[in-house]
Amino acid sequence: MCYNVVDGRFHQACLHFVPMSTHFRDCLEPNCVFSSQHRHPPKCASNACIHHMTPSAKNPIRLSPSRCPQCATNAPFDPSRPQSPSSSNSSTR
């Protein structure tokens, strides 16, 4: 089946993948509606044809030992900083 390949950066510290670009991989099967070799007209409704793609494949083209930008901005809890009233555990009556 056809699928998309997502090239990106893999952050080893947090194990997150950040996509950078995507390209299409053609399976060249005549019964796949996404293939360039598909025999039937567009918008094919034949039950013999494949109507879904394989999940995207992640291709890490860059390896980064640091955390991803999203994890880097979410700093761990610091007890020396004051909490907002909505996040404190004390109840007011």
C-alpha atoms as a PDB file:
ATOM      1  CA  MET A   1       0.000   0.000   0.000  1.00  0.00           C
ATOM      2  CA  CYS A   2       1.063   3.571  -0.554  1.00  0.00           C
ATOM      3  CA  TYR A   3       2.265   5.659   2.362  1.00  0.00           C
ATOM      4  CA  ASN A   4       3.772   9.003   3.312  1.00  0.00           C
ATOM      5  CA  VAL A   5       7.310   9.277   4.636  1.00  0.00           C
ATOM      6  CA  VAL A   6       7.773  12.017   7.224  1.00  0.00           C
ATOM      7  CA  ASP A   7      11.349  13.280   7.511  1.00  0.00           C
ATOM      8  CA  GLY A   8      12.194  15.026  10.741  1.00  0.00           C
ATOM      9  CA  ARG A   9      14.326  15.548  13.819  1.00  0.00           C
ATOM     10  CA  PHE A  10      14.366  12.949  16.609  1.00  0.00           C
ATOM     11  CA  HIS A  11      15.093  14.372  20.065  1.00  0.00           C
ATOM     12  CA  GLN A  12      16.875  11.693  22.084  1.00  0.00           C
ATOM     13  CA  ALA A  13      16.370  13.370  25.488  1.00  0.00           C
ATOM     14  CA  CYS A  14      12.552  13.337  25.351  1.00  0.00           C
ATOM     15  CA  LEU A  15      12.019  10.769  22.529  1.00  0.00           C
ATOM     16  CA  HIS A  16       9.845  13.176  20.511  1.00  0.00           C
ATOM     17  CA  PHE A  17       9.829  13.412  16.731  1.00  0.00           C
ATOM     18  CA  VAL A  18       9.436  16.836  15.092  1.00  0.00           C
ATOM     19  CA  PRO A  19       8.376  16.605  11.414  1.00  0.00           C
ATOM     20  CA  MET A  20      10.229  18.702   8.837  1.00  0.00           C
ATOM     21  CA  SER A  21       8.983  17.464   5.448  1.00  0.00           C
ATOM     22  CA  THR A  22       6.792  14.770   3.899  1.00  0.00           C
ATOM     23  CA  HIS A  23       6.961  12.849   0.660  1.00  0.00           C
ATOM     24  CA  PHE A  24       4.782  10.166  -0.917  1.00  0.00           C
ATOM     25  CA  ARG A  25       5.909   6.574  -1.517  1.00  0.00           C
ATOM     26  CA  ASP A  26       4.016   4.843  -4.345  1.00  0.00           C
ATOM     27  CA  CYS A  27       3.393   1.085  -3.989  1.00  0.00           C
ATOM     28  CA  LEU A  28       2.816   0.739  -7.776  1.00  0.00           C
ATOM     29  CA  GLU A  29      -0.052  -1.713  -7.184  1.00  0.00           C
ATOM     30  CA  PRO A  30      -2.839  -1.644  -9.791  1.00  0.00           C
ATOM     31  CA  ASN A  31      -5.536  -2.127  -7.105  1.00  0.00           C
ATOM     32  CA  CYS A  32      -4.465   0.806  -4.877  1.00  0.00           C
ATOM     33  CA  VAL A  33      -6.477   3.995  -5.466  1.00  0.00           C
ATOM     34  CA  PHE A  34      -3.501   6.161  -4.373  1.00  0.00           C
ATOM     35  CA  SER A  35      -1.024   4.534  -6.770  1.00  0.00           C
ATOM     36  CA  SER A  36      -0.003   5.966 -10.116  1.00  0.00           C
ATOM     37  CA  GLN A  37      -0.654   2.478 -11.554  1.00  0.00           C
ATOM     38  CA  HIS A  38      -4.337   2.357 -10.505  1.00  0.00           C
ATOM     39  CA  ARG A  39      -6.421   0.917 -13.350  1.00  0.00           C
ATOM     40  CA  HIS A  40      -9.845   2.386 -12.556  1.00  0.00           C
ATOM     41  CA  PRO A  41     -11.085   5.984 -12.965  1.00  0.00           C
ATOM     42  CA  PRO A  42     -10.714   8.545 -10.148  1.00  0.00           C
ATOM     43  CA  LYS A  43     -13.131   8.164  -7.214  1.00  0.00           C
ATOM     44  CA  CYS A  44     -13.107   4.396  -7.705  1.00  0.00           C
ATOM     45  CA  ALA A  45     -15.724   2.591  -5.586  1.00  0.00           C
ATOM     46  CA  SER A  46     -14.664  -0.972  -6.381  1.00  0.00           C
ATOM     47  CA  ASN A  47     -14.508  -3.317  -3.376  1.00  0.00           C
ATOM     48  CA  ALA A  48     -11.490  -5.020  -4.943  1.00  0.00           C
ATOM     49  CA  CYS A  49      -9.401  -1.842  -4.650  1.00  0.00           C
ATOM     50  CA  ILE A  50      -7.473  -0.641  -1.615  1.00  0.00           C
ATOM     51  CA  HIS A  51      -9.016   2.604  -0.299  1.00  0.00           C
ATOM     52  CA  HIS A  52      -6.666   3.420   2.584  1.00  0.00           C
ATOM     53  CA  MET A  53      -2.996   4.159   3.029  1.00  0.00           C
ATOM     54  CA  THR A  54      -0.495   2.561   5.361  1.00  0.00           C
ATOM     55  CA  PRO A  55       0.256   4.818   8.369  1.00  0.00           C
ATOM     56  CA  SER A  56       3.016   7.334   7.768  1.00  0.00           C
ATOM     57  CA  ALA A  57       6.590   6.211   8.329  1.00  0.00           C
ATOM     58  CA  LYS A  58       8.818   8.447  10.454  1.00  0.00           C
ATOM     59  CA  ASN A  59      12.307   8.901   9.044  1.00  0.00           C
ATOM     60  CA  PRO A  60      14.692  10.658  11.466  1.00  0.00           C
ATOM     61  CA  ILE A  61      17.100  12.601   9.245  1.00  0.00           C
ATOM     62  CA  ARG A  62      18.464  14.604  12.201  1.00  0.00           C
ATOM     63  CA  LEU A  63      19.314  13.325  15.691  1.00  0.00           C
ATOM     64  CA  SER A  64      19.358  15.814  18.517  1.00  0.00           C
ATOM     65  CA  PRO A  65      20.616  14.987  22.027  1.00  0.00           C
ATOM     66  CA  SER A  66      18.560  17.869  23.480  1.00  0.00           C
ATOM     67  CA  ARG A  67      14.856  18.047  24.330  1.00  0.00           C
ATOM     68  CA  CYS A  68      12.342  19.212  21.724  1.00  0.00           C
ATOM     69  CA  PRO A  69      11.170  22.864  21.819  1.00  0.00           C
ATOM     70  CA  GLN A  70       7.859  21.930  23.424  1.00  0.00           C
ATOM     71  CA  CYS A  71       9.519  19.987  26.256  1.00  0.00           C
ATOM     72  CA  ALA A  72      12.170  22.687  26.694  1.00  0.00           C
ATOM     73  CA  THR A  73       9.496  25.343  27.319  1.00  0.00           C
ATOM     74  CA  ASN A  74       7.631  23.130  29.801  1.00  0.00           C
ATOM     75  CA  ALA A  75      10.092  23.496  32.657  1.00  0.00           C
ATOM     76  CA  PRO A  76       9.784  21.041  35.558  1.00  0.00           C
ATOM     77  CA  PHE A  77       7.941  22.140  38.712  1.00  0.00           C
ATOM     78  CA  ASP A  78       9.960  24.575  40.833  1.00  0.00           C
ATOM     79  CA  PRO A  79       8.738  24.750  44.463  1.00  0.00           C
ATOM     80  CA  SER A  80      10.450  28.130  45.000  1.00  0.00           C
ATOM     81  CA  ARG A  81       8.101  29.822  42.490  1.00  0.00           C
ATOM     82  CA  PRO A  82       4.647  30.854  43.749  1.00  0.00           C
ATOM     83  CA  GLN A  83       1.714  28.931  42.293  1.00  0.00           C
ATOM     84  CA  SER A  84      -1.357  30.517  40.799  1.00  0.00           C
ATOM     85  CA  PRO A  85      -4.514  30.319  42.975  1.00  0.00           C
ATOM     86  CA  SER A  86      -6.229  27.920  40.563  1.00  0.00           C
ATOM     87  CA  SER A  87      -3.426  25.369  40.847  1.00  0.00           C
ATOM     88  CA  SER A  88      -2.978  25.435  44.632  1.00  0.00           C
ATOM     89  CA  ASN A  89      -4.370  22.575  46.687  1.00  0.00           C
ATOM     90  CA  SER A  90      -5.703  24.721  49.545  1.00  0.00           C
ATOM     91  CA  SER A  91      -9.414  25.368  49.626  1.00  0.00           C
ATOM     92  CA  THR A  92     -10.899  28.689  50.661  1.00  0.00           C
ATOM     93  CA  ARG A  93     -14.244  28.981  52.453  1.00  0.00           C
END
